[in-house]
Structures are given as structure tokens and as C-alpha cells.
Amino acid sequence: QMRSILEAIERRPQKMPTILMGDTNEWRTEAGCLREIEPEFHVAPTGPSFHARHPVAQLDRIIVHKDLNIEAAGVHMSPAARRASDHLPIWARLSG
């Protein structure tokens, strides 16, 4: 699926910086779908967001085009977030 997304991005007639976000279900950045994003994209260092009650895995990702800079990134941890889902929300502050 990641390869299809990256190919669709490459085929766009108008090139622009791109951000991909979501649950990749990938436990390691060097494996699976995440190894296909280099060198055009990099992963924001958000930290573990799964499981919300005791986060141990970084399954949720913010994948950023190389033309954008990641200024800061993290995981939102609040009592409400821990109850809302089994994944905690992740965030990133970017600049161009």
C-alpha cells in the first residue's frame, strides 16, 4: 500500500510538499513499508503511541516530505486521549 501511495504522489502533475499520517502497523522504521519512503520522506520522531494505556510501540507515524523541516514532534498524553482510543494522538510542528 505504501508503494502505491508513493507512486501516486510521484505521478501528480503539480509537485508539492506532502505529509502522510496514520497507523502504519509497522513496529520498526527499518522494515516493511517504512523502508520504501527514503530518500524523499522522513519520519517525525513522535514516540510510542500504542497502546494508549501503556504506550510501548510507535505504530502511528507522521511521514514528511524532505522539503519540509520537522521542528518538534510528540505524543499527546492526557486522560481523555487515553480513553478515546487504543492509540494516543501524535503531533508534529513543521516548517518549510
C-alpha atoms as a PDB file:
ATOM      1  CA  GLN A   1       0.000   0.000   0.000  1.00  0.00           C
ATOM      2  CA  MET A   2       2.828   2.418   0.805  1.00  0.00           C
ATOM      3  CA  ARG A   3       4.388   1.798  -2.606  1.00  0.00           C
ATOM      4  CA  SER A   4       1.050   2.610  -4.293  1.00  0.00           C
ATOM      5  CA  ILE A   5       0.722   5.828  -2.286  1.00  0.00           C
ATOM      6  CA  LEU A   6       4.272   6.907  -3.118  1.00  0.00           C
ATOM      7  CA  GLU A   7       3.731   6.130  -6.822  1.00  0.00           C
ATOM      8  CA  ALA A   8       0.521   8.192  -6.827  1.00  0.00           C
ATOM      9  CA  ILE A   9       2.378  11.104  -5.227  1.00  0.00           C
ATOM     10  CA  GLU A  10       5.132  10.822  -7.855  1.00  0.00           C
ATOM     11  CA  ARG A  11       2.591  10.880 -10.709  1.00  0.00           C
ATOM     12  CA  ARG A  12       0.976  14.150  -9.611  1.00  0.00           C
ATOM     13  CA  PRO A  13       1.387  16.824 -12.289  1.00  0.00           C
ATOM     14  CA  GLN A  14       1.974  19.529  -9.699  1.00  0.00           C
ATOM     15  CA  LYS A  15       4.770  18.661  -7.258  1.00  0.00           C
ATOM     16  CA  MET A  16       4.296  19.878  -3.693  1.00  0.00           C
ATOM     17  CA  PRO A  17       5.500  19.048  -0.193  1.00  0.00           C
ATOM     18  CA  THR A  18       3.464  16.184   1.231  1.00  0.00           C
ATOM     19  CA  ILE A  19       2.639  14.826   4.679  1.00  0.00           C
ATOM     20  CA  LEU A  20       1.379  11.279   5.245  1.00  0.00           C
ATOM     21  CA  MET A  21      -0.138  10.434   8.620  1.00  0.00           C
ATOM     22  CA  GLY A  22      -1.704   7.408  10.200  1.00  0.00           C
ATOM     23  CA  ASP A  23      -1.377   3.995  11.766  1.00  0.00           C
ATOM     24  CA  THR A  24       1.214   2.148   9.680  1.00  0.00           C
ATOM     25  CA  ASN A  25       1.050  -1.017  11.804  1.00  0.00           C
ATOM     26  CA  GLU A  26       4.827  -1.168  11.398  1.00  0.00           C
ATOM     27  CA  TRP A  27       6.867  -1.793  14.551  1.00  0.00           C
ATOM     28  CA  ARG A  28      10.265  -0.749  13.127  1.00  0.00           C
ATOM     29  CA  THR A  29      11.319   2.111  10.845  1.00  0.00           C
ATOM     30  CA  GLU A  30      13.855  -0.077   9.014  1.00  0.00           C
ATOM     31  CA  ALA A  31      11.330  -2.711   7.975  1.00  0.00           C
ATOM     32  CA  GLY A  32       8.198  -3.212   5.941  1.00  0.00           C
ATOM     33  CA  CYS A  33       6.527  -0.247   4.310  1.00  0.00           C
ATOM     34  CA  LEU A  34       8.691   2.365   6.048  1.00  0.00           C
ATOM     35  CA  ARG A  35      11.866   1.300   4.283  1.00  0.00           C
ATOM     36  CA  GLU A  36      10.302   2.495   0.997  1.00  0.00           C
ATOM     37  CA  ILE A  37       9.956   6.142   1.991  1.00  0.00           C
ATOM     38  CA  GLU A  38      13.631   7.120   1.743  1.00  0.00           C
ATOM     39  CA  PRO A  39      15.067   9.381   0.382  1.00  0.00           C
ATOM     40  CA  GLU A  40      12.004  11.529  -0.447  1.00  0.00           C
ATOM     41  CA  PHE A  41      10.406  11.339   3.021  1.00  0.00           C
ATOM     42  CA  HIS A  42      11.406  11.006   6.658  1.00  0.00           C
ATOM     43  CA  VAL A  43       9.506  10.018   9.809  1.00  0.00           C
ATOM     44  CA  ALA A  44       8.805  12.529  12.575  1.00  0.00           C
ATOM     45  CA  PRO A  45      10.180  11.278  15.920  1.00  0.00           C
ATOM     46  CA  THR A  46       6.864  11.287  17.768  1.00  0.00           C
ATOM     47  CA  GLY A  47       7.468   8.421  20.184  1.00  0.00           C
ATOM     48  CA  PRO A  48       5.324   5.468  21.270  1.00  0.00           C
ATOM     49  CA  SER A  49       1.565   5.947  20.898  1.00  0.00           C
ATOM     50  CA  PHE A  50       0.244   2.382  21.197  1.00  0.00           C
ATOM     51  CA  HIS A  51      -1.291   1.038  23.452  1.00  0.00           C
ATOM     52  CA  ALA A  52      -2.827   4.188  24.947  1.00  0.00           C
ATOM     53  CA  ARG A  53      -2.875   2.802  28.495  1.00  0.00           C
ATOM     54  CA  HIS A  54       0.811   1.888  28.371  1.00  0.00           C
ATOM     55  CA  PRO A  55       2.475   3.124  25.157  1.00  0.00           C
ATOM     56  CA  VAL A  56       5.289   0.814  24.051  1.00  0.00           C
ATOM     57  CA  ALA A  57       5.088   0.886  20.238  1.00  0.00           C
ATOM     58  CA  GLN A  58       5.404   3.652  17.664  1.00  0.00           C
ATOM     59  CA  LEU A  59       2.807   2.399  15.178  1.00  0.00           C
ATOM     60  CA  ASP A  60       1.342   5.805  14.329  1.00  0.00           C
ATOM     61  CA  ARG A  61       3.534   7.904  12.041  1.00  0.00           C
ATOM     62  CA  ILE A  62       3.838  11.343  10.548  1.00  0.00           C
ATOM     63  CA  ILE A  63       5.822  10.936   7.332  1.00  0.00           C
ATOM     64  CA  VAL A  64       7.137  14.227   5.985  1.00  0.00           C
ATOM     65  CA  HIS A  65       8.463  15.189   2.533  1.00  0.00           C
ATOM     66  CA  LYS A  66      12.150  16.130   2.529  1.00  0.00           C
ATOM     67  CA  ASP A  67      11.275  19.731   1.567  1.00  0.00           C
ATOM     68  CA  LEU A  68       9.679  20.239   4.997  1.00  0.00           C
ATOM     69  CA  ASN A  69      11.512  20.514   8.317  1.00  0.00           C
ATOM     70  CA  ILE A  70      10.322  18.829  11.488  1.00  0.00           C
ATOM     71  CA  GLU A  71      10.696  21.408  14.262  1.00  0.00           C
ATOM     72  CA  ALA A  72       9.154  19.285  17.032  1.00  0.00           C
ATOM     73  CA  ALA A  73       7.062  16.139  17.384  1.00  0.00           C
ATOM     74  CA  GLY A  74       5.469  14.100  20.103  1.00  0.00           C
ATOM     75  CA  VAL A  75       2.567  12.180  21.552  1.00  0.00           C
ATOM     76  CA  HIS A  76      -0.395  13.826  23.268  1.00  0.00           C
ATOM     77  CA  MET A  77      -0.937  12.097  26.598  1.00  0.00           C
ATOM     78  CA  SER A  78      -3.983  13.131  28.569  1.00  0.00           C
ATOM     79  CA  PRO A  79      -6.626  11.198  30.493  1.00  0.00           C
ATOM     80  CA  ALA A  80      -9.169  11.971  27.745  1.00  0.00           C
ATOM     81  CA  ALA A  81      -6.796  10.775  24.996  1.00  0.00           C
ATOM     82  CA  ARG A  82      -6.123   7.540  26.856  1.00  0.00           C
ATOM     83  CA  ARG A  83      -9.884   6.845  26.984  1.00  0.00           C
ATOM     84  CA  ALA A  84     -10.698   7.949  23.413  1.00  0.00           C
ATOM     85  CA  SER A  85      -8.779   5.242  21.551  1.00  0.00           C
ATOM     86  CA  ASP A  86      -6.255   2.456  21.932  1.00  0.00           C
ATOM     87  CA  HIS A  87      -3.824   4.793  20.104  1.00  0.00           C
ATOM     88  CA  LEU A  88      -2.713   8.145  21.501  1.00  0.00           C
ATOM     89  CA  PRO A  89      -2.784  11.176  19.172  1.00  0.00           C
ATOM     90  CA  ILE A  90       0.547  12.197  17.659  1.00  0.00           C
ATOM     91  CA  TRP A  91       1.584  15.666  16.513  1.00  0.00           C
ATOM     92  CA  ALA A  92       4.362  17.480  14.661  1.00  0.00           C
ATOM     93  CA  ARG A  93       5.295  21.121  14.136  1.00  0.00           C
ATOM     94  CA  LEU A  94       6.695  21.649  10.645  1.00  0.00           C
ATOM     95  CA  SER A  95       8.264  24.479   8.700  1.00  0.00           C
ATOM     96  CA  GLY A  96       9.017  24.903   5.048  1.00  0.00           C
END
